[in-house]
N, C-alpha and C. Protein backbone atom coordinates (compact mmCIF):
# COMPACT_ATOMS: atom_id res chain seq x y z
N MET A 1 31.82 127.66 0.16
CA MET A 1 32.78 126.71 0.68
C MET A 1 32.52 125.35 0.05
N SER A 2 33.52 124.52 0.09
CA SER A 2 33.44 123.19 -0.51
C SER A 2 33.90 122.13 0.48
N VAL A 3 33.31 120.97 0.37
CA VAL A 3 33.75 119.81 1.15
C VAL A 3 35.21 119.50 0.83
N ASN A 4 35.66 119.89 -0.35
CA ASN A 4 37.02 119.61 -0.78
C ASN A 4 38.03 120.66 -0.32
N ASP A 5 37.56 121.73 0.35
CA ASP A 5 38.47 122.75 0.86
C ASP A 5 39.32 122.18 2.00
N ASP A 6 40.49 122.72 2.16
CA ASP A 6 41.39 122.29 3.23
C ASP A 6 41.08 123.10 4.49
N LEU A 7 39.94 122.80 5.10
CA LEU A 7 39.51 123.48 6.33
C LEU A 7 39.66 122.52 7.50
N PRO A 8 40.06 123.01 8.66
CA PRO A 8 40.39 122.12 9.78
C PRO A 8 39.20 121.32 10.32
N TRP A 9 37.98 121.76 10.10
CA TRP A 9 36.83 121.06 10.66
C TRP A 9 36.26 119.97 9.76
N ILE A 10 36.67 119.94 8.49
CA ILE A 10 36.04 118.99 7.55
C ILE A 10 36.39 117.54 7.88
N GLU A 11 37.64 117.20 8.06
CA GLU A 11 38.00 115.80 8.33
C GLU A 11 37.37 115.28 9.62
N PRO A 12 37.33 116.05 10.72
CA PRO A 12 36.63 115.55 11.91
C PRO A 12 35.14 115.31 11.67
N VAL A 13 34.51 116.15 10.87
CA VAL A 13 33.09 115.93 10.56
C VAL A 13 32.92 114.66 9.73
N LEU A 14 33.80 114.45 8.76
CA LEU A 14 33.73 113.22 7.95
C LEU A 14 33.92 111.98 8.84
N ARG A 15 34.85 112.04 9.79
CA ARG A 15 35.04 110.92 10.73
C ARG A 15 33.79 110.70 11.58
N LEU A 16 33.17 111.77 12.04
CA LEU A 16 31.94 111.65 12.83
C LEU A 16 30.83 110.98 12.02
N ILE A 17 30.68 111.37 10.77
CA ILE A 17 29.66 110.77 9.91
C ILE A 17 29.95 109.29 9.69
N ARG A 18 31.21 108.96 9.44
CA ARG A 18 31.58 107.54 9.26
C ARG A 18 31.29 106.74 10.52
N ALA A 19 31.60 107.31 11.68
CA ALA A 19 31.32 106.63 12.95
C ALA A 19 29.82 106.45 13.15
N SER A 20 29.04 107.46 12.81
CA SER A 20 27.58 107.34 12.90
C SER A 20 27.08 106.20 12.03
N ALA A 21 27.59 106.13 10.82
CA ALA A 21 27.18 105.05 9.91
C ALA A 21 27.58 103.69 10.48
N ALA A 22 28.80 103.60 11.01
CA ALA A 22 29.28 102.33 11.57
C ALA A 22 28.42 101.87 12.75
N PHE A 23 27.91 102.81 13.53
CA PHE A 23 27.07 102.47 14.68
C PHE A 23 25.58 102.46 14.36
N GLY A 24 25.24 102.65 13.09
CA GLY A 24 23.83 102.62 12.69
C GLY A 24 23.03 103.83 13.13
N ILE A 25 23.68 104.93 13.37
CA ILE A 25 22.99 106.17 13.77
C ILE A 25 22.62 106.93 12.51
N PRO A 26 21.33 107.15 12.27
CA PRO A 26 20.90 107.84 11.05
C PRO A 26 21.49 109.25 10.95
N THR A 27 21.89 109.60 9.75
CA THR A 27 22.46 110.91 9.48
C THR A 27 21.71 111.54 8.33
N LEU A 28 21.47 112.84 8.42
CA LEU A 28 20.77 113.58 7.38
C LEU A 28 21.56 114.84 7.06
N GLY A 29 21.69 115.16 5.79
CA GLY A 29 22.41 116.38 5.41
C GLY A 29 21.77 117.06 4.23
N HIS A 30 21.73 118.40 4.30
CA HIS A 30 21.24 119.23 3.20
C HIS A 30 22.42 119.98 2.58
N CYS A 31 22.47 120.02 1.28
CA CYS A 31 23.45 120.79 0.52
C CYS A 31 24.87 120.44 0.95
N LEU A 32 25.57 121.32 1.65
CA LEU A 32 26.92 121.00 2.12
C LEU A 32 26.88 119.76 3.01
N GLY A 33 25.84 119.64 3.84
CA GLY A 33 25.69 118.46 4.69
C GLY A 33 25.50 117.19 3.87
N GLY A 34 24.74 117.28 2.79
CA GLY A 34 24.58 116.14 1.89
C GLY A 34 25.88 115.78 1.20
N GLN A 35 26.65 116.80 0.85
CA GLN A 35 27.95 116.57 0.23
C GLN A 35 28.92 115.93 1.23
N LEU A 36 28.90 116.40 2.47
CA LEU A 36 29.73 115.78 3.52
C LEU A 36 29.34 114.31 3.72
N LEU A 37 28.04 114.05 3.77
CA LEU A 37 27.55 112.69 3.94
C LEU A 37 28.00 111.81 2.78
N ALA A 38 27.84 112.31 1.56
CA ALA A 38 28.24 111.54 0.38
C ALA A 38 29.74 111.23 0.42
N LYS A 39 30.55 112.23 0.70
CA LYS A 39 32.00 112.01 0.72
C LYS A 39 32.39 111.05 1.84
N ALA A 40 31.79 111.19 3.01
CA ALA A 40 32.11 110.30 4.13
C ALA A 40 31.76 108.86 3.81
N LEU A 41 30.72 108.64 3.00
CA LEU A 41 30.26 107.29 2.68
C LEU A 41 30.88 106.75 1.39
N GLY A 42 31.85 107.47 0.83
CA GLY A 42 32.58 106.94 -0.33
C GLY A 42 32.27 107.60 -1.66
N GLY A 43 31.44 108.63 -1.66
CA GLY A 43 31.16 109.36 -2.90
C GLY A 43 32.18 110.46 -3.13
N GLU A 44 31.98 111.19 -4.21
CA GLU A 44 32.86 112.31 -4.54
C GLU A 44 32.03 113.57 -4.66
N VAL A 45 32.66 114.70 -4.40
CA VAL A 45 32.02 116.00 -4.57
C VAL A 45 32.78 116.74 -5.67
N THR A 46 32.04 117.15 -6.70
CA THR A 46 32.64 117.82 -7.85
C THR A 46 31.77 119.02 -8.25
N ARG A 47 32.31 119.81 -9.16
CA ARG A 47 31.57 120.96 -9.67
C ARG A 47 30.34 120.47 -10.43
N ASN A 48 29.20 121.09 -10.18
CA ASN A 48 27.99 120.80 -10.94
C ASN A 48 28.11 121.52 -12.29
N PRO A 49 27.49 121.01 -13.36
CA PRO A 49 27.60 121.70 -14.66
C PRO A 49 27.21 123.18 -14.60
N VAL A 50 26.21 123.53 -13.79
CA VAL A 50 25.80 124.92 -13.60
C VAL A 50 25.44 125.14 -12.14
N LYS A 51 25.47 126.39 -11.71
CA LYS A 51 24.99 126.71 -10.36
C LYS A 51 23.48 126.66 -10.36
N GLU A 52 22.94 126.23 -9.23
CA GLU A 52 21.50 126.30 -8.99
C GLU A 52 21.30 127.25 -7.81
N ILE A 53 20.63 128.37 -8.07
CA ILE A 53 20.32 129.34 -7.02
C ILE A 53 18.89 129.80 -7.23
N GLY A 54 18.03 129.44 -6.30
CA GLY A 54 16.62 129.82 -6.39
C GLY A 54 15.73 128.59 -6.33
N TRP A 55 14.55 128.75 -6.88
CA TRP A 55 13.55 127.69 -6.84
C TRP A 55 13.63 126.83 -8.08
N GLY A 56 13.48 125.52 -7.91
CA GLY A 56 13.50 124.62 -9.05
C GLY A 56 12.81 123.31 -8.71
N ARG A 57 12.31 122.70 -9.75
CA ARG A 57 11.58 121.44 -9.60
C ARG A 57 12.54 120.29 -9.33
N VAL A 58 12.20 119.50 -8.33
CA VAL A 58 12.93 118.28 -8.00
C VAL A 58 12.01 117.12 -8.33
N ASP A 59 12.53 116.14 -9.06
CA ASP A 59 11.74 114.97 -9.44
C ASP A 59 12.25 113.74 -8.71
N ALA A 60 11.32 112.98 -8.12
CA ALA A 60 11.67 111.69 -7.55
C ALA A 60 11.99 110.76 -8.71
N VAL A 61 13.00 109.91 -8.53
CA VAL A 61 13.27 108.91 -9.56
C VAL A 61 12.20 107.84 -9.46
N GLU A 62 12.01 107.10 -10.49
CA GLU A 62 10.96 106.07 -10.50
C GLU A 62 11.39 104.88 -9.65
N ASP A 63 11.24 105.04 -8.37
CA ASP A 63 11.64 104.01 -7.44
C ASP A 63 10.75 104.15 -6.21
N SER A 64 10.29 103.04 -5.67
CA SER A 64 9.39 103.12 -4.51
C SER A 64 10.09 103.76 -3.31
N LEU A 65 11.40 103.60 -3.20
CA LEU A 65 12.16 104.21 -2.11
C LEU A 65 12.08 105.74 -2.19
N ALA A 66 12.13 106.28 -3.40
CA ALA A 66 12.02 107.73 -3.57
C ALA A 66 10.69 108.24 -3.06
N HIS A 67 9.62 107.56 -3.41
CA HIS A 67 8.29 108.00 -2.97
C HIS A 67 8.12 107.81 -1.46
N GLU A 68 8.71 106.77 -0.93
CA GLU A 68 8.65 106.53 0.51
C GLU A 68 9.32 107.68 1.28
N TRP A 69 10.46 108.16 0.80
CA TRP A 69 11.20 109.21 1.49
C TRP A 69 10.67 110.60 1.19
N LEU A 70 10.26 110.86 -0.04
CA LEU A 70 9.88 112.22 -0.44
C LEU A 70 8.38 112.47 -0.36
N GLY A 71 7.58 111.42 -0.50
CA GLY A 71 6.14 111.58 -0.42
C GLY A 71 5.52 112.31 -1.59
N ALA A 72 6.29 112.55 -2.64
CA ALA A 72 5.79 113.27 -3.82
C ALA A 72 6.59 112.82 -5.03
N SER A 73 5.96 112.87 -6.19
CA SER A 73 6.70 112.52 -7.40
C SER A 73 7.54 113.70 -7.88
N SER A 74 7.14 114.92 -7.51
CA SER A 74 7.94 116.11 -7.78
C SER A 74 7.53 117.21 -6.81
N PHE A 75 8.41 118.15 -6.62
CA PHE A 75 8.12 119.29 -5.75
C PHE A 75 9.07 120.43 -6.10
N ASN A 76 8.68 121.62 -5.76
CA ASN A 76 9.49 122.81 -5.98
C ASN A 76 10.34 123.02 -4.72
N SER A 77 11.66 123.05 -4.89
CA SER A 77 12.55 123.18 -3.74
C SER A 77 13.45 124.38 -3.91
N PHE A 78 14.14 124.73 -2.84
CA PHE A 78 15.09 125.82 -2.87
C PHE A 78 16.49 125.24 -3.08
N HIS A 79 17.29 125.95 -3.87
CA HIS A 79 18.64 125.50 -4.22
C HIS A 79 19.62 126.65 -4.06
N TRP A 80 20.85 126.29 -3.63
CA TRP A 80 21.94 127.27 -3.64
C TRP A 80 23.24 126.49 -3.60
N HIS A 81 23.71 126.08 -4.76
CA HIS A 81 24.95 125.30 -4.81
C HIS A 81 25.60 125.38 -6.17
N GLY A 82 26.90 125.14 -6.18
CA GLY A 82 27.67 125.06 -7.42
C GLY A 82 28.37 123.73 -7.57
N GLU A 83 28.28 122.90 -6.54
CA GLU A 83 28.88 121.57 -6.57
C GLU A 83 27.79 120.53 -6.35
N THR A 84 28.15 119.30 -6.58
CA THR A 84 27.21 118.20 -6.36
C THR A 84 27.99 116.97 -5.92
N PHE A 85 27.26 115.98 -5.45
CA PHE A 85 27.88 114.73 -4.99
C PHE A 85 27.57 113.60 -5.96
N SER A 86 28.45 112.60 -5.94
CA SER A 86 28.13 111.34 -6.60
C SER A 86 27.38 110.49 -5.58
N ILE A 87 26.70 109.48 -6.07
CA ILE A 87 25.96 108.59 -5.18
C ILE A 87 26.97 107.61 -4.56
N PRO A 88 27.04 107.56 -3.23
CA PRO A 88 28.01 106.65 -2.58
C PRO A 88 27.72 105.18 -2.91
N PRO A 89 28.73 104.32 -2.85
CA PRO A 89 28.53 102.90 -3.09
C PRO A 89 27.43 102.32 -2.18
N GLY A 90 26.52 101.59 -2.77
CA GLY A 90 25.44 100.96 -2.03
C GLY A 90 24.23 101.84 -1.79
N ALA A 91 24.35 103.14 -2.08
CA ALA A 91 23.23 104.07 -1.88
C ALA A 91 22.32 104.07 -3.11
N THR A 92 21.13 104.61 -2.94
CA THR A 92 20.15 104.72 -4.02
C THR A 92 19.83 106.18 -4.27
N ARG A 93 19.96 106.59 -5.51
CA ARG A 93 19.57 107.95 -5.90
C ARG A 93 18.05 108.02 -5.88
N ILE A 94 17.50 109.05 -5.21
CA ILE A 94 16.04 109.14 -5.12
C ILE A 94 15.48 110.42 -5.74
N ALA A 95 16.33 111.38 -6.14
CA ALA A 95 15.80 112.62 -6.71
C ALA A 95 16.82 113.26 -7.64
N ALA A 96 16.29 114.05 -8.60
CA ALA A 96 17.11 114.74 -9.58
C ALA A 96 16.41 116.03 -10.01
N THR A 97 17.18 116.95 -10.60
CA THR A 97 16.60 118.11 -11.25
C THR A 97 17.13 118.15 -12.69
N ALA A 98 16.60 119.05 -13.47
CA ALA A 98 17.07 119.20 -14.85
C ALA A 98 18.53 119.62 -14.91
N HIS A 99 19.02 120.27 -13.85
CA HIS A 99 20.38 120.81 -13.86
C HIS A 99 21.34 120.10 -12.92
N CYS A 100 20.84 119.13 -12.16
CA CYS A 100 21.69 118.41 -11.19
C CYS A 100 21.12 117.01 -11.02
N ALA A 101 21.81 116.04 -11.56
CA ALA A 101 21.29 114.66 -11.60
C ALA A 101 21.15 114.04 -10.22
N ASN A 102 22.00 114.42 -9.29
CA ASN A 102 21.98 113.80 -7.96
C ASN A 102 21.49 114.80 -6.91
N GLN A 103 20.19 114.84 -6.72
CA GLN A 103 19.60 115.76 -5.74
C GLN A 103 19.41 115.11 -4.38
N ALA A 104 19.29 113.81 -4.33
CA ALA A 104 19.12 113.14 -3.03
C ALA A 104 19.46 111.66 -3.17
N PHE A 105 19.98 111.10 -2.07
CA PHE A 105 20.26 109.66 -2.03
C PHE A 105 19.93 109.13 -0.64
N VAL A 106 19.70 107.83 -0.59
CA VAL A 106 19.43 107.13 0.66
C VAL A 106 20.39 105.94 0.74
N LEU A 107 20.96 105.75 1.91
CA LEU A 107 21.74 104.56 2.21
C LEU A 107 21.32 104.11 3.59
N ASP A 108 20.56 103.03 3.63
CA ASP A 108 20.01 102.55 4.89
C ASP A 108 19.13 103.65 5.46
N ARG A 109 19.47 104.21 6.61
CA ARG A 109 18.66 105.29 7.20
C ARG A 109 19.34 106.65 7.07
N HIS A 110 20.33 106.75 6.21
CA HIS A 110 21.04 108.01 5.97
C HIS A 110 20.46 108.67 4.73
N LEU A 111 20.22 109.97 4.82
CA LEU A 111 19.64 110.73 3.71
C LEU A 111 20.51 111.94 3.41
N GLY A 112 20.99 112.01 2.18
CA GLY A 112 21.74 113.18 1.71
C GLY A 112 20.94 113.90 0.65
N MET A 113 20.78 115.20 0.82
CA MET A 113 20.02 116.01 -0.14
C MET A 113 20.90 117.17 -0.62
N GLN A 114 20.84 117.46 -1.91
CA GLN A 114 21.52 118.63 -2.45
C GLN A 114 20.63 119.86 -2.27
N CYS A 115 19.34 119.68 -2.38
CA CYS A 115 18.39 120.79 -2.26
C CYS A 115 18.11 121.11 -0.80
N HIS A 116 17.44 122.24 -0.61
CA HIS A 116 17.12 122.73 0.74
C HIS A 116 15.61 122.66 0.97
N VAL A 117 15.18 121.71 1.80
CA VAL A 117 13.76 121.65 2.17
C VAL A 117 13.52 122.32 3.53
N GLU A 118 14.58 122.79 4.16
CA GLU A 118 14.52 123.33 5.52
C GLU A 118 14.39 124.86 5.57
N MET A 119 14.15 125.51 4.46
CA MET A 119 14.22 126.96 4.39
C MET A 119 13.08 127.68 5.11
N THR A 120 13.39 128.91 5.53
CA THR A 120 12.42 129.81 6.15
C THR A 120 12.48 131.14 5.40
N PRO A 121 11.48 132.00 5.58
CA PRO A 121 11.55 133.32 4.92
C PRO A 121 12.79 134.10 5.35
N GLU A 122 13.14 134.01 6.62
CA GLU A 122 14.30 134.74 7.13
C GLU A 122 15.61 134.25 6.49
N LEU A 123 15.74 132.94 6.34
CA LEU A 123 16.95 132.39 5.70
C LEU A 123 17.04 132.83 4.25
N ILE A 124 15.95 132.74 3.52
CA ILE A 124 15.97 133.12 2.11
C ILE A 124 16.31 134.60 1.96
N THR A 125 15.70 135.45 2.76
CA THR A 125 15.99 136.89 2.71
C THR A 125 17.47 137.15 3.02
N ALA A 126 17.98 136.52 4.06
CA ALA A 126 19.38 136.71 4.44
C ALA A 126 20.33 136.21 3.36
N TRP A 127 20.04 135.03 2.78
CA TRP A 127 20.91 134.50 1.74
C TRP A 127 20.90 135.38 0.50
N CYS A 128 19.72 135.89 0.13
CA CYS A 128 19.64 136.78 -1.03
C CYS A 128 20.45 138.05 -0.79
N ARG A 129 20.42 138.54 0.44
CA ARG A 129 21.18 139.75 0.77
C ARG A 129 22.68 139.45 0.75
N SER A 130 23.11 138.41 1.46
CA SER A 130 24.55 138.13 1.55
C SER A 130 25.10 137.54 0.25
N GLY A 131 24.26 136.93 -0.55
CA GLY A 131 24.71 136.32 -1.80
C GLY A 131 24.36 137.12 -3.04
N ALA A 132 24.04 138.40 -2.87
CA ALA A 132 23.60 139.23 -4.01
C ALA A 132 24.63 139.25 -5.14
N ARG A 133 25.91 139.37 -4.80
CA ARG A 133 26.93 139.40 -5.85
C ARG A 133 27.03 138.07 -6.57
N GLU A 134 26.91 136.96 -5.82
CA GLU A 134 26.97 135.64 -6.46
C GLU A 134 25.80 135.46 -7.43
N ILE A 135 24.63 135.91 -7.02
CA ILE A 135 23.47 135.84 -7.91
C ILE A 135 23.74 136.65 -9.17
N GLU A 136 24.15 137.89 -9.02
CA GLU A 136 24.39 138.77 -10.18
C GLU A 136 25.45 138.20 -11.12
N ARG A 137 26.53 137.67 -10.55
CA ARG A 137 27.62 137.10 -11.37
C ARG A 137 27.17 135.89 -12.18
N ASN A 138 26.16 135.19 -11.70
CA ASN A 138 25.79 133.92 -12.34
C ASN A 138 24.47 133.95 -13.10
N LEU A 139 23.77 135.06 -13.09
CA LEU A 139 22.47 135.13 -13.77
C LEU A 139 22.56 134.76 -15.25
N GLU A 140 23.56 135.26 -15.93
CA GLU A 140 23.69 134.98 -17.36
C GLU A 140 24.48 133.71 -17.65
N LYS A 141 25.15 133.16 -16.64
CA LYS A 141 25.95 131.95 -16.82
C LYS A 141 25.15 130.68 -16.63
N SER A 142 24.06 130.76 -15.88
CA SER A 142 23.33 129.54 -15.54
C SER A 142 21.83 129.74 -15.70
N PRO A 143 21.18 128.81 -16.41
CA PRO A 143 19.72 128.88 -16.52
C PRO A 143 19.00 128.54 -15.21
N ALA A 144 19.77 128.10 -14.20
CA ALA A 144 19.18 127.68 -12.93
C ALA A 144 19.43 128.70 -11.81
N VAL A 145 19.81 129.92 -12.20
CA VAL A 145 20.00 131.00 -11.23
C VAL A 145 18.92 132.05 -11.48
N GLN A 146 18.25 132.44 -10.40
CA GLN A 146 17.16 133.42 -10.49
C GLN A 146 17.56 134.72 -9.80
N PRO A 147 17.00 135.84 -10.25
CA PRO A 147 17.22 137.11 -9.53
C PRO A 147 16.60 137.04 -8.14
N ALA A 148 17.15 137.82 -7.22
CA ALA A 148 16.66 137.81 -5.84
C ALA A 148 15.16 138.12 -5.77
N GLU A 149 14.68 139.01 -6.61
CA GLU A 149 13.25 139.36 -6.60
C GLU A 149 12.39 138.13 -6.92
N GLU A 150 12.84 137.33 -7.88
CA GLU A 150 12.09 136.11 -8.23
C GLU A 150 12.18 135.09 -7.11
N ILE A 151 13.36 134.96 -6.52
CA ILE A 151 13.54 134.01 -5.42
C ILE A 151 12.58 134.32 -4.28
N GLN A 152 12.37 135.61 -4.01
CA GLN A 152 11.55 136.02 -2.87
C GLN A 152 10.07 136.20 -3.21
N ARG A 153 9.69 136.00 -4.46
CA ARG A 153 8.29 136.12 -4.87
C ARG A 153 7.47 134.96 -4.32
N ASP A 154 6.28 135.22 -3.84
CA ASP A 154 5.35 134.18 -3.36
C ASP A 154 5.95 133.28 -2.29
N LEU A 155 6.76 133.84 -1.43
CA LEU A 155 7.47 133.03 -0.44
C LEU A 155 6.54 132.22 0.45
N ASP A 156 5.46 132.82 0.94
CA ASP A 156 4.57 132.08 1.84
C ASP A 156 4.02 130.84 1.18
N SER A 157 3.55 130.97 -0.05
CA SER A 157 2.99 129.83 -0.78
C SER A 157 4.06 128.79 -1.09
N ARG A 158 5.19 129.25 -1.60
CA ARG A 158 6.27 128.32 -1.94
C ARG A 158 6.76 127.56 -0.71
N LEU A 159 6.92 128.27 0.40
CA LEU A 159 7.42 127.62 1.61
C LEU A 159 6.38 126.67 2.21
N ALA A 160 5.11 127.01 2.11
CA ALA A 160 4.07 126.10 2.62
C ALA A 160 4.14 124.77 1.87
N ASP A 161 4.29 124.83 0.54
CA ASP A 161 4.41 123.61 -0.26
C ASP A 161 5.70 122.86 0.09
N LEU A 162 6.79 123.60 0.22
CA LEU A 162 8.07 122.98 0.54
C LEU A 162 8.04 122.32 1.92
N HIS A 163 7.39 122.96 2.88
CA HIS A 163 7.36 122.42 4.23
C HIS A 163 6.52 121.15 4.33
N ARG A 164 5.55 120.97 3.44
CA ARG A 164 4.82 119.69 3.40
C ARG A 164 5.78 118.56 3.02
N VAL A 165 6.64 118.81 2.06
CA VAL A 165 7.64 117.82 1.68
C VAL A 165 8.63 117.61 2.83
N ALA A 166 9.10 118.72 3.42
CA ALA A 166 10.05 118.62 4.53
C ALA A 166 9.46 117.82 5.68
N ASP A 167 8.19 118.07 6.01
CA ASP A 167 7.54 117.31 7.09
C ASP A 167 7.56 115.82 6.78
N HIS A 168 7.29 115.46 5.53
CA HIS A 168 7.29 114.04 5.15
C HIS A 168 8.71 113.47 5.26
N VAL A 169 9.69 114.20 4.75
CA VAL A 169 11.09 113.74 4.80
C VAL A 169 11.53 113.54 6.25
N TYR A 170 11.27 114.53 7.09
CA TYR A 170 11.73 114.43 8.48
C TYR A 170 10.95 113.38 9.26
N ASP A 171 9.66 113.22 8.98
CA ASP A 171 8.90 112.15 9.62
C ASP A 171 9.48 110.79 9.25
N ARG A 172 9.81 110.62 7.97
CA ARG A 172 10.39 109.34 7.50
C ARG A 172 11.76 109.11 8.13
N TRP A 173 12.57 110.17 8.19
CA TRP A 173 13.92 110.04 8.72
C TRP A 173 13.90 109.73 10.22
N THR A 174 12.98 110.34 10.96
CA THR A 174 12.94 110.12 12.41
C THR A 174 12.23 108.84 12.80
N ALA A 175 11.51 108.21 11.88
CA ALA A 175 10.82 106.96 12.19
C ALA A 175 11.83 105.91 12.66
N GLY A 176 11.59 105.36 13.81
CA GLY A 176 12.46 104.31 14.30
C GLY A 176 13.70 104.78 15.03
N LEU A 177 13.88 106.09 15.21
CA LEU A 177 15.09 106.57 15.91
C LEU A 177 15.17 106.02 17.33
N GLU A 178 14.04 106.04 18.04
CA GLU A 178 14.07 105.57 19.43
C GLU A 178 14.16 104.06 19.51
N THR A 179 13.51 103.37 18.59
CA THR A 179 13.47 101.91 18.67
C THR A 179 14.60 101.26 17.89
N GLY A 180 15.23 102.03 17.01
CA GLY A 180 16.28 101.46 16.18
C GLY A 180 15.73 100.67 15.01
N GLU A 181 14.41 100.73 14.79
CA GLU A 181 13.81 100.01 13.66
C GLU A 181 14.03 100.79 12.38
N ARG A 182 13.95 100.07 11.28
CA ARG A 182 14.14 100.72 9.97
C ARG A 182 12.83 100.97 9.31
């Protein structure tokens, strides 16, 4: 699905995100959620040059804000997307991959991510099962698509590393929620 699809729930979600921003309520989105956040804040969602499906290195841009939010200069993350967002006006790009220039952005206390730091073994297994045809169709079309067997290899180790990054991201995002501090 795409943020640009004519689905009845998309415009109400975009309005909710805009209202959250107007009231200073922090918003966080992964993949489609990051794309919704970007579009609601004035960015665009377009086709990425290639699909990213599987594990791939995410690099923080050389900016102190990137390190503050991500807690790492690079990390291996999970990806499953064919579109990407532009950086909304006033936001700062904080992460990129070799195949997708805009992996994450920050605007005030709002964080949009193209990659998935929230994954579990059950989600990855289910996505590989339900997305098997998409994987097969794109293996030869994109250097950033991996076979399901590779995606599921070393899951415990990969997820432990990913969850350290996720813990840092979520700790940073939740900081100040109760007090309203930045």
